Structures are given as structure tokens and as C-alpha cells.
Amino acid sequence: MQQNNFQRRDRGEKRETNQMVFGIRAVIEAIDAGKEIESLFIQRGISGSLLLELKNLIKEHNIASQQVPIEKLNRITRKNHQGVIAVISPITYERVEDILPTIYEKGETPLLLMLDGVTDVRNMGAIARTAECAGVHAIIVPKRGSAEINPDAIKTSAGALYKIPVCREDNLGKVGRFLIDSGVQLVVSTEKTKDSVYEVDYTVPTCIIMGAEDVGVSDDLIRISDKLAKIPMFGEIGSLNVSVSAGVVIYEAIRQRNK
């Protein structure tokens, strides 16, 4: 079964909601049809040959799934979900390996943004809006531990998530090493340095890496990065919202590139 991805507002205009597919066979068909699965919930303790077929597909397509109690599924829908609910992504994810050569072929200097552990959907939307306005070529996020691309994210992005490529990758460290091998410098925005974001040369191919507000960028990415840079702070709070921080660094890169 498939649930409509639009609902009517009182004034008659359309408002996007999550598109859900529920029932084991329906989810299998959605995966076979090439649908992007944003999240997949499977009831704990269920079994059967059809479920085994689904699990084989999940493994084949490397789809992240969660084992959850039936109460969670029942809160999502009152339909006969058969213990399986999938949320279809409103966007089509891309791969860095496909995008980067195209940027070089166009004679452009890559400017990429990697988000490590940014899980708030509104931050994700705000960052995407800024990135699209600034001409960032793509946003890179991890397959697990990242904000869901859902209607709230789309709305906060003002539709930017429909326009800017989003690459959802299994391993950000592996992607980082691929970028380095492809001539792209990694610039981590972090407080673990004395160097300012204004001292970095962004006119060369660059991937800016932003982390979650509570834990920052992972040590694995910091270890392989070319530059660590911090945003100067002069007040008492000492930190910025990650979407604001991303805007500061992105537009410093744009300032340098448009001198």
C-alpha cells in the first residue's frame, strides 16, 4: 500500500508530507522500482520467507533499517503495515564520484559541503538553502546519522533541496580520501585550532566540512583534513548554530572566489 504524498491545506493549496509505503510486498516493489528509501522500520521479532526476501534486498542495496517495536509502527499508521514501513525520499540522491568529474569537465572549481552528524532537519534545510544560493556544487551527508530529508527540511530549504545535489554516502572518511586524491582540499570547521576560517585559501578545489553542534566533526575526518579553521568568537556565548556557521564559511569562500 502507498500513502499519498500530498495533503490539502484549509485554503486548498498543496502541502508536502512524507510518502510512506507499508506492507512487506509493497516495500519490496518500491525498492525494485528504484525508489529512494529515506528510512525503513521493521517490527522486532517478525519472520517469514517474504521478510527474508526484503532483508536480502536491503543488504543488496545497502539500505539502512531500524528494528522497532510494533507500537512505533502503529503510531506511524493505523493501516495493515505487516510489520514493515518505508519512508520514500522526496529527492534522488547522487554520488560524489559521478558529480566531481562533471564539475571539472565544466572548467569549474569544486566547492562542496560535507555535513558530519547534522541531524536536525531544519538545520539541514537552512544549510541547503544557503549552499544553493552560494552556488555550492553538492552537499555530502552520511547514510546513517544524518538529518532526514523530509517535508520540514524541504520547506526550510525553500525548495533548495530539489535543486542542489545531495550525495548520501556510506563512509565519509572514504569519501574524504577520494576527494583528496581528486585534488580537493578538506577544510574542517572546528574549535580545535587557532587558525581562522579567514586565513584559508578557498580559491582552490575545496570541501568544507561542518559537524554537529554538540560533538563537532569526527576525529577520523579531522585526521585526514588539509586545514582546520575556526570562526572567531567575541561574545560570551562562544558558539553559533551550525546553519549560521556554514553560511559564514561558505560565503568567505565565495568572497575569495569573486574578488
C-alpha atoms as a PDB file:
ATOM      1  CA  MET A   1       0.000   0.000   0.000  1.00  0.00           C
ATOM      2  CA  GLN A   2       1.187   3.508  -0.723  1.00  0.00           C
ATOM      3  CA  GLN A   3       0.110   6.643   1.089  1.00  0.00           C
ATOM      4  CA  ASN A   4      -0.364   9.856  -0.884  1.00  0.00           C
ATOM      5  CA  ASN A   5       2.495  12.330  -0.535  1.00  0.00           C
ATOM      6  CA  PHE A   6       0.292  15.416  -0.556  1.00  0.00           C
ATOM      7  CA  GLN A   7      -2.311  16.739   1.838  1.00  0.00           C
ATOM      8  CA  ARG A   8      -4.661  19.686   1.343  1.00  0.00           C
ATOM      9  CA  ARG A   9      -4.396  22.795   3.435  1.00  0.00           C
ATOM     10  CA  ASP A  10      -7.566  24.566   4.513  1.00  0.00           C
ATOM     11  CA  ARG A  11      -7.074  27.130   1.740  1.00  0.00           C
ATOM     12  CA  GLY A  12      -6.803  24.387  -0.874  1.00  0.00           C
ATOM     13  CA  GLU A  13      -3.097  24.600  -1.672  1.00  0.00           C
ATOM     14  CA  LYS A  14      -0.847  21.548  -1.507  1.00  0.00           C
ATOM     15  CA  ARG A  15       1.486  20.801   1.380  1.00  0.00           C
ATOM     16  CA  GLU A  16       4.011  18.007   1.135  1.00  0.00           C
ATOM     17  CA  THR A  17       4.026  15.188   3.636  1.00  0.00           C
ATOM     18  CA  ASN A  18       6.147  12.065   3.845  1.00  0.00           C
ATOM     19  CA  GLN A  19       5.330   9.435   1.255  1.00  0.00           C
ATOM     20  CA  MET A  20       5.014   6.124   3.051  1.00  0.00           C
ATOM     21  CA  VAL A  21       4.894   2.601   1.734  1.00  0.00           C
ATOM     22  CA  PHE A  22       3.701  -0.100   4.121  1.00  0.00           C
ATOM     23  CA  GLY A  23       3.429  -3.846   3.821  1.00  0.00           C
ATOM     24  CA  ILE A  24       6.327  -6.180   3.044  1.00  0.00           C
ATOM     25  CA  ARG A  25       5.426  -6.818  -0.618  1.00  0.00           C
ATOM     26  CA  ALA A  26       4.798  -3.121  -1.290  1.00  0.00           C
ATOM     27  CA  VAL A  27       8.179  -2.152   0.181  1.00  0.00           C
ATOM     28  CA  ILE A  28       9.916  -4.839  -1.896  1.00  0.00           C
ATOM     29  CA  GLU A  29       8.248  -3.455  -5.026  1.00  0.00           C
ATOM     30  CA  ALA A  30       9.269   0.093  -4.111  1.00  0.00           C
ATOM     31  CA  ILE A  31      12.916  -0.965  -3.753  1.00  0.00           C
ATOM     32  CA  ASP A  32      12.784  -2.940  -7.010  1.00  0.00           C
ATOM     33  CA  ALA A  33      11.340   0.148  -8.721  1.00  0.00           C
ATOM     34  CA  GLY A  34      14.391   2.173  -7.668  1.00  0.00           C
ATOM     35  CA  LYS A  35      12.653   4.337  -5.077  1.00  0.00           C
ATOM     36  CA  GLU A  36      14.994   6.164  -2.677  1.00  0.00           C
ATOM     37  CA  ILE A  37      14.298   4.829   0.818  1.00  0.00           C
ATOM     38  CA  GLU A  38      14.765   7.597   3.379  1.00  0.00           C
ATOM     39  CA  SER A  39      14.071   5.370   6.367  1.00  0.00           C
ATOM     40  CA  LEU A  40      12.859   1.816   6.854  1.00  0.00           C
ATOM     41  CA  PHE A  41      11.220   0.424  10.006  1.00  0.00           C
ATOM     42  CA  ILE A  42      10.868  -3.313  10.626  1.00  0.00           C
ATOM     43  CA  GLN A  43       8.963  -4.777  13.556  1.00  0.00           C
ATOM     44  CA  ARG A  44      11.091  -6.699  16.020  1.00  0.00           C
ATOM     45  CA  GLY A  45      10.562 -10.443  16.095  1.00  0.00           C
ATOM     46  CA  ILE A  46       8.730 -10.959  12.790  1.00  0.00           C
ATOM     47  CA  SER A  47       9.881 -13.580  10.300  1.00  0.00           C
ATOM     48  CA  GLY A  48       8.866 -15.367   7.110  1.00  0.00           C
ATOM     49  CA  SER A  49      10.056 -16.012   3.558  1.00  0.00           C
ATOM     50  CA  LEU A  50       8.790 -12.657   2.272  1.00  0.00           C
ATOM     51  CA  LEU A  51      10.632 -10.827   5.034  1.00  0.00           C
ATOM     52  CA  LEU A  52      13.787 -12.774   4.149  1.00  0.00           C
ATOM     53  CA  GLU A  53      13.401 -11.569   0.560  1.00  0.00           C
ATOM     54  CA  LEU A  54      13.118  -7.996   1.845  1.00  0.00           C
ATOM     55  CA  LYS A  55      16.193  -8.364   4.042  1.00  0.00           C
ATOM     56  CA  ASN A  56      18.194  -9.677   1.086  1.00  0.00           C
ATOM     57  CA  LEU A  57      17.166  -6.609  -0.909  1.00  0.00           C
ATOM     58  CA  ILE A  58      18.116  -4.330   1.983  1.00  0.00           C
ATOM     59  CA  LYS A  59      21.559  -5.918   2.056  1.00  0.00           C
ATOM     60  CA  GLU A  60      21.932  -5.792  -1.725  1.00  0.00           C
ATOM     61  CA  HIS A  61      21.041  -2.091  -1.931  1.00  0.00           C
ATOM     62  CA  ASN A  62      22.752  -1.176   1.352  1.00  0.00           C
ATOM     63  CA  ILE A  63      19.599   0.368   2.797  1.00  0.00           C
ATOM     64  CA  ALA A  64      19.660   1.472   6.422  1.00  0.00           C
ATOM     65  CA  SER A  65      16.856  -0.036   8.501  1.00  0.00           C
ATOM     66  CA  GLN A  66      15.718   0.012  12.118  1.00  0.00           C
ATOM     67  CA  GLN A  67      14.248  -2.771  14.229  1.00  0.00           C
ATOM     68  CA  VAL A  68      11.416  -1.184  16.221  1.00  0.00           C
ATOM     69  CA  PRO A  69       8.551  -2.297  18.500  1.00  0.00           C
ATOM     70  CA  ILE A  70       5.119  -2.654  16.938  1.00  0.00           C
ATOM     71  CA  GLU A  71       3.898   0.336  18.983  1.00  0.00           C
ATOM     72  CA  LYS A  72       6.090   2.669  16.924  1.00  0.00           C
ATOM     73  CA  LEU A  73       4.712   1.307  13.663  1.00  0.00           C
ATOM     74  CA  ASN A  74       1.162   1.690  14.937  1.00  0.00           C
ATOM     75  CA  ARG A  75       1.865   5.319  15.799  1.00  0.00           C
ATOM     76  CA  ILE A  76       3.033   5.939  12.232  1.00  0.00           C
ATOM     77  CA  THR A  77      -0.022   4.377  10.570  1.00  0.00           C
ATOM     78  CA  ARG A  78      -3.181   2.503  11.508  1.00  0.00           C
ATOM     79  CA  LYS A  79      -3.105   0.655   8.177  1.00  0.00           C
ATOM     80  CA  ASN A  80      -2.173  -3.023   7.915  1.00  0.00           C
ATOM     81  CA  HIS A  81       1.588  -2.448   7.787  1.00  0.00           C
ATOM     82  CA  GLN A  82       2.517  -6.143   8.235  1.00  0.00           C
ATOM     83  CA  GLY A  83       5.422  -5.036  10.418  1.00  0.00           C
ATOM     84  CA  VAL A  84       7.215  -3.010   7.752  1.00  0.00           C
ATOM     85  CA  ILE A  85       7.025   0.703   6.891  1.00  0.00           C
ATOM     86  CA  ALA A  86       9.282   2.555   4.453  1.00  0.00           C
ATOM     87  CA  VAL A  87       9.500   6.320   4.032  1.00  0.00           C
ATOM     88  CA  ILE A  88      10.300   7.357   0.458  1.00  0.00           C
ATOM     89  CA  SER A  89      12.731  10.231  -0.006  1.00  0.00           C
ATOM     90  CA  PRO A  90      11.355  13.289  -1.829  1.00  0.00           C
ATOM     91  CA  ILE A  91      14.716  13.695  -3.597  1.00  0.00           C
ATOM     92  CA  THR A  92      17.017  11.449  -5.597  1.00  0.00           C
ATOM     93  CA  TYR A  93      20.445  11.077  -4.017  1.00  0.00           C
ATOM     94  CA  GLU A  94      23.584  11.267  -6.135  1.00  0.00           C
ATOM     95  CA  ARG A  95      27.183  10.049  -5.818  1.00  0.00           C
ATOM     96  CA  VAL A  96      30.256  12.241  -5.372  1.00  0.00           C
ATOM     97  CA  GLU A  97      32.150  10.024  -7.804  1.00  0.00           C
ATOM     98  CA  ASP A  98      29.668  10.991 -10.522  1.00  0.00           C
ATOM     99  CA  ILE A  99      29.403  14.697  -9.715  1.00  0.00           C
ATOM    100  CA  LEU A 100      33.061  15.656  -9.249  1.00  0.00           C
ATOM    101  CA  PRO A 101      34.273  14.764 -12.776  1.00  0.00           C
ATOM    102  CA  THR A 102      31.388  16.765 -14.246  1.00  0.00           C
ATOM    103  CA  ILE A 103      32.418  19.853 -12.260  1.00  0.00           C
ATOM    104  CA  TYR A 104      35.978  19.591 -13.551  1.00  0.00           C
ATOM    105  CA  GLU A 105      34.777  18.961 -17.107  1.00  0.00           C
ATOM    106  CA  LYS A 106      32.820  22.220 -16.988  1.00  0.00           C
ATOM    107  CA  GLY A 107      36.020  24.047 -16.079  1.00  0.00           C
ATOM    108  CA  GLU A 108      34.662  24.980 -12.652  1.00  0.00           C
ATOM    109  CA  THR A 109      36.471  24.883  -9.307  1.00  0.00           C
ATOM    110  CA  PRO A 110      34.669  22.439  -6.999  1.00  0.00           C
ATOM    111  CA  LEU A 111      33.095  23.840  -3.842  1.00  0.00           C
ATOM    112  CA  LEU A 112      31.500  21.052  -1.821  1.00  0.00           C
ATOM    113  CA  LEU A 113      29.911  20.908   1.615  1.00  0.00           C
ATOM    114  CA  MET A 114      30.084  17.846   3.855  1.00  0.00           C
ATOM    115  CA  LEU A 115      27.793  17.559   6.893  1.00  0.00           C
ATOM    116  CA  ASP A 116      29.042  15.149   9.540  1.00  0.00           C
ATOM    117  CA  GLY A 117      26.329  14.223  12.041  1.00  0.00           C
ATOM    118  CA  VAL A 118      23.964  17.149  11.390  1.00  0.00           C
ATOM    119  CA  THR A 119      20.665  15.547  12.407  1.00  0.00           C
ATOM    120  CA  ASP A 120      18.242  18.457  12.795  1.00  0.00           C
ATOM    121  CA  VAL A 121      16.051  18.680   9.693  1.00  0.00           C
ATOM    122  CA  ARG A 122      15.598  22.443   9.938  1.00  0.00           C
ATOM    123  CA  ASN A 123      19.344  22.979  10.149  1.00  0.00           C
ATOM    124  CA  MET A 124      19.677  20.728   7.125  1.00  0.00           C
ATOM    125  CA  GLY A 125      17.127  22.772   5.226  1.00  0.00           C
ATOM    126  CA  ALA A 126      18.668  26.113   6.187  1.00  0.00           C
ATOM    127  CA  ILE A 127      22.157  24.922   5.220  1.00  0.00           C
ATOM    128  CA  ALA A 128      20.897  23.644   1.863  1.00  0.00           C
ATOM    129  CA  ARG A 129      19.233  26.987   1.163  1.00  0.00           C
ATOM    130  CA  THR A 130      22.463  28.880   1.846  1.00  0.00           C
ATOM    131  CA  ALA A 131      24.543  26.391  -0.138  1.00  0.00           C
ATOM    132  CA  GLU A 132      22.271  26.581  -3.166  1.00  0.00           C
ATOM    133  CA  CYS A 133      22.195  30.384  -3.083  1.00  0.00           C
ATOM    134  CA  ALA A 134      26.001  30.450  -2.936  1.00  0.00           C
ATOM    135  CA  GLY A 135      26.451  28.048  -5.824  1.00  0.00           C
ATOM    136  CA  VAL A 136      27.887  25.138  -3.817  1.00  0.00           C
ATOM    137  CA  HIS A 137      28.122  22.185  -6.190  1.00  0.00           C
ATOM    138  CA  ALA A 138      26.858  19.474  -3.832  1.00  0.00           C
ATOM    139  CA  ILE A 139      26.122  18.552  -0.222  1.00  0.00           C
ATOM    140  CA  ILE A 140      27.549  15.297   1.138  1.00  0.00           C
ATOM    141  CA  VAL A 141      25.877  13.513   4.057  1.00  0.00           C
ATOM    142  CA  PRO A 142      26.328  10.088   5.688  1.00  0.00           C
ATOM    143  CA  LYS A 143      23.800   7.343   5.071  1.00  0.00           C
ATOM    144  CA  ARG A 144      23.416   6.895   8.836  1.00  0.00           C
ATOM    145  CA  GLY A 145      23.335   9.622  11.461  1.00  0.00           C
ATOM    146  CA  SER A 146      22.122  12.426   9.243  1.00  0.00           C
ATOM    147  CA  ALA A 147      19.001  14.565   9.102  1.00  0.00           C
ATOM    148  CA  GLU A 148      16.131  13.000   7.224  1.00  0.00           C
ATOM    149  CA  ILE A 149      15.192  14.772   4.012  1.00  0.00           C
ATOM    150  CA  ASN A 150      11.528  15.236   4.774  1.00  0.00           C
ATOM    151  CA  PRO A 151       8.872  17.923   4.207  1.00  0.00           C
ATOM    152  CA  ASP A 152      10.207  20.066   7.072  1.00  0.00           C
ATOM    153  CA  ALA A 153      13.690  20.021   5.558  1.00  0.00           C
ATOM    154  CA  ILE A 154      12.314  20.804   2.092  1.00  0.00           C
ATOM    155  CA  LYS A 155      10.201  23.677   3.433  1.00  0.00           C
ATOM    156  CA  THR A 156      13.068  25.179   5.458  1.00  0.00           C
ATOM    157  CA  SER A 157      15.305  24.972   2.401  1.00  0.00           C
ATOM    158  CA  ALA A 158      12.740  26.961   0.381  1.00  0.00           C
ATOM    159  CA  GLY A 159      12.931  24.203  -2.220  1.00  0.00           C
ATOM    160  CA  ALA A 160      16.733  24.289  -2.445  1.00  0.00           C
ATOM    161  CA  LEU A 161      16.922  20.566  -1.679  1.00  0.00           C
ATOM    162  CA  TYR A 162      15.192  19.975  -5.015  1.00  0.00           C
ATOM    163  CA  LYS A 163      17.908  21.957  -6.796  1.00  0.00           C
ATOM    164  CA  ILE A 164      21.269  21.198  -5.173  1.00  0.00           C
ATOM    165  CA  PRO A 165      22.691  17.671  -5.494  1.00  0.00           C
ATOM    166  CA  VAL A 166      22.752  15.747  -2.218  1.00  0.00           C
ATOM    167  CA  CYS A 167      25.141  12.798  -2.013  1.00  0.00           C
ATOM    168  CA  ARG A 168      24.337  10.209   0.645  1.00  0.00           C
ATOM    169  CA  GLU A 169      27.444   8.122   1.285  1.00  0.00           C
ATOM    170  CA  ASP A 170      28.262   5.048   3.391  1.00  0.00           C
ATOM    171  CA  ASN A 171      31.578   6.286   4.782  1.00  0.00           C
ATOM    172  CA  LEU A 172      32.543   9.961   4.959  1.00  0.00           C
ATOM    173  CA  GLY A 173      36.177   9.092   5.668  1.00  0.00           C
ATOM    174  CA  LYS A 174      36.362   7.107   2.443  1.00  0.00           C
ATOM    175  CA  VAL A 175      34.717   9.970   0.562  1.00  0.00           C
ATOM    176  CA  GLY A 176      37.195  12.398   2.111  1.00  0.00           C
ATOM    177  CA  ARG A 177      40.139  10.333   0.892  1.00  0.00           C
ATOM    178  CA  PHE A 178      38.575  10.138  -2.575  1.00  0.00           C
ATOM    179  CA  LEU A 179      38.263  13.933  -2.638  1.00  0.00           C
ATOM    180  CA  ILE A 180      41.885  14.390  -1.568  1.00  0.00           C
ATOM    181  CA  ASP A 181      43.009  12.005  -4.321  1.00  0.00           C
ATOM    182  CA  SER A 182      40.906  14.066  -6.745  1.00  0.00           C
ATOM    183  CA  GLY A 183      42.659  17.314  -5.859  1.00  0.00           C
ATOM    184  CA  VAL A 184      40.090  18.682  -3.414  1.00  0.00           C
ATOM    185  CA  GLN A 185      41.276  20.114  -0.100  1.00  0.00           C
ATOM    186  CA  LEU A 186      39.298  19.284   3.045  1.00  0.00           C
ATOM    187  CA  VAL A 187      38.646  22.238   5.343  1.00  0.00           C
ATOM    188  CA  VAL A 188      37.149  21.315   8.716  1.00  0.00           C
ATOM    189  CA  SER A 189      35.270  23.983  10.643  1.00  0.00           C
ATOM    190  CA  THR A 190      36.222  23.277  14.265  1.00  0.00           C
ATOM    191  CA  GLU A 191      37.146  24.933  17.528  1.00  0.00           C
ATOM    192  CA  LYS A 192      40.132  22.572  17.844  1.00  0.00           C
ATOM    193  CA  THR A 193      42.532  25.024  16.217  1.00  0.00           C
ATOM    194  CA  LYS A 194      43.865  28.552  16.498  1.00  0.00           C
ATOM    195  CA  ASP A 195      43.607  29.212  12.755  1.00  0.00           C
ATOM    196  CA  SER A 196      40.770  31.377  11.476  1.00  0.00           C
ATOM    197  CA  VAL A 197      38.405  30.491   8.643  1.00  0.00           C
ATOM    198  CA  TYR A 198      39.534  33.769   7.066  1.00  0.00           C
ATOM    199  CA  GLU A 199      43.121  32.508   6.724  1.00  0.00           C
ATOM    200  CA  VAL A 200      42.233  29.573   4.461  1.00  0.00           C
ATOM    201  CA  ASP A 201      42.563  29.774   0.673  1.00  0.00           C
ATOM    202  CA  TYR A 202      39.212  28.667  -0.741  1.00  0.00           C
ATOM    203  CA  THR A 203      40.016  29.566  -4.355  1.00  0.00           C
ATOM    204  CA  VAL A 204      41.320  26.025  -4.903  1.00  0.00           C
ATOM    205  CA  PRO A 205      39.014  22.977  -5.096  1.00  0.00           C
ATOM    206  CA  THR A 206      37.534  22.730  -1.599  1.00  0.00           C
ATOM    207  CA  CYS A 207      35.200  20.661   0.517  1.00  0.00           C
ATOM    208  CA  ILE A 208      34.030  22.474   3.654  1.00  0.00           C
ATOM    209  CA  ILE A 209      33.200  20.072   6.496  1.00  0.00           C
ATOM    210  CA  MET A 210      30.736  21.022   9.218  1.00  0.00           C
ATOM    211  CA  GLY A 211      29.894  18.867  12.244  1.00  0.00           C
ATOM    212  CA  ALA A 212      27.107  18.547  14.757  1.00  0.00           C
ATOM    213  CA  GLU A 213      26.903  21.374  17.288  1.00  0.00           C
ATOM    214  CA  ASP A 214      27.412  19.097  20.291  1.00  0.00           C
ATOM    215  CA  VAL A 215      30.294  16.865  19.141  1.00  0.00           C
ATOM    216  CA  GLY A 216      31.661  18.593  16.046  1.00  0.00           C
ATOM    217  CA  VAL A 217      33.440  16.846  13.189  1.00  0.00           C
ATOM    218  CA  SER A 218      34.621  13.279  13.799  1.00  0.00           C
ATOM    219  CA  ASP A 219      38.279  12.633  14.590  1.00  0.00           C
ATOM    220  CA  ASP A 220      38.565  10.422  11.502  1.00  0.00           C
ATOM    221  CA  LEU A 221      37.792  13.364   9.233  1.00  0.00           C
ATOM    222  CA  ILE A 222      39.946  15.759  11.247  1.00  0.00           C
ATOM    223  CA  ARG A 223      42.936  13.419  10.882  1.00  0.00           C
ATOM    224  CA  ILE A 224      42.799  13.382   7.079  1.00  0.00           C
ATOM    225  CA  SER A 225      41.825  17.032   6.584  1.00  0.00           C
ATOM    226  CA  ASP A 226      44.122  19.601   4.993  1.00  0.00           C
ATOM    227  CA  LYS A 227      43.027  22.568   7.095  1.00  0.00           C
ATOM    228  CA  LEU A 228      41.368  23.156  10.447  1.00  0.00           C
ATOM    229  CA  ALA A 229      39.696  26.530  10.797  1.00  0.00           C
ATOM    230  CA  LYS A 230      37.570  28.246  13.430  1.00  0.00           C
ATOM    231  CA  ILE A 231      35.122  31.125  13.297  1.00  0.00           C
ATOM    232  CA  PRO A 232      36.315  33.913  15.610  1.00  0.00           C
ATOM    233  CA  MET A 233      34.060  34.475  18.618  1.00  0.00           C
ATOM    234  CA  PHE A 234      33.912  37.714  20.575  1.00  0.00           C
ATOM    235  CA  GLY A 235      30.806  37.350  22.740  1.00  0.00           C
ATOM    236  CA  GLU A 236      30.024  35.321  25.815  1.00  0.00           C
ATOM    237  CA  ILE A 237      28.042  32.511  24.154  1.00  0.00           C
ATOM    238  CA  GLY A 238      31.033  31.142  22.262  1.00  0.00           C
ATOM    239  CA  SER A 239      29.215  29.124  19.591  1.00  0.00           C
ATOM    240  CA  LEU A 240      26.939  29.509  16.587  1.00  0.00           C
ATOM    241  CA  ASN A 241      24.098  27.439  15.210  1.00  0.00           C
ATOM    242  CA  VAL A 242      25.552  25.051  12.599  1.00  0.00           C
ATOM    243  CA  SER A 243      23.490  26.539   9.790  1.00  0.00           C
ATOM    244  CA  VAL A 244      24.821  30.023  10.612  1.00  0.00           C
ATOM    245  CA  SER A 245      28.380  28.678  10.847  1.00  0.00           C
ATOM    246  CA  ALA A 246      28.019  27.025   7.467  1.00  0.00           C
ATOM    247  CA  GLY A 247      26.842  30.315   5.968  1.00  0.00           C
ATOM    248  CA  VAL A 248      29.848  32.181   7.397  1.00  0.00           C
ATOM    249  CA  VAL A 249      32.380  29.747   5.929  1.00  0.00           C
ATOM    250  CA  ILE A 250      30.608  29.277   2.590  1.00  0.00           C
ATOM    251  CA  TYR A 251      30.381  32.997   1.959  1.00  0.00           C
ATOM    252  CA  GLU A 252      34.014  33.547   2.904  1.00  0.00           C
ATOM    253  CA  ALA A 253      34.804  31.069   0.136  1.00  0.00           C
ATOM    254  CA  ILE A 254      32.511  32.938  -2.258  1.00  0.00           C
ATOM    255  CA  ARG A 255      34.070  36.280  -1.280  1.00  0.00           C
ATOM    256  CA  GLN A 256      37.532  34.998  -2.113  1.00  0.00           C
ATOM    257  CA  ARG A 257      36.420  33.446  -5.386  1.00  0.00           C
ATOM    258  CA  ASN A 258      34.689  36.606  -6.551  1.00  0.00           C
ATOM    259  CA  LYS A 259      37.377  39.172  -5.773  1.00  0.00           C
END
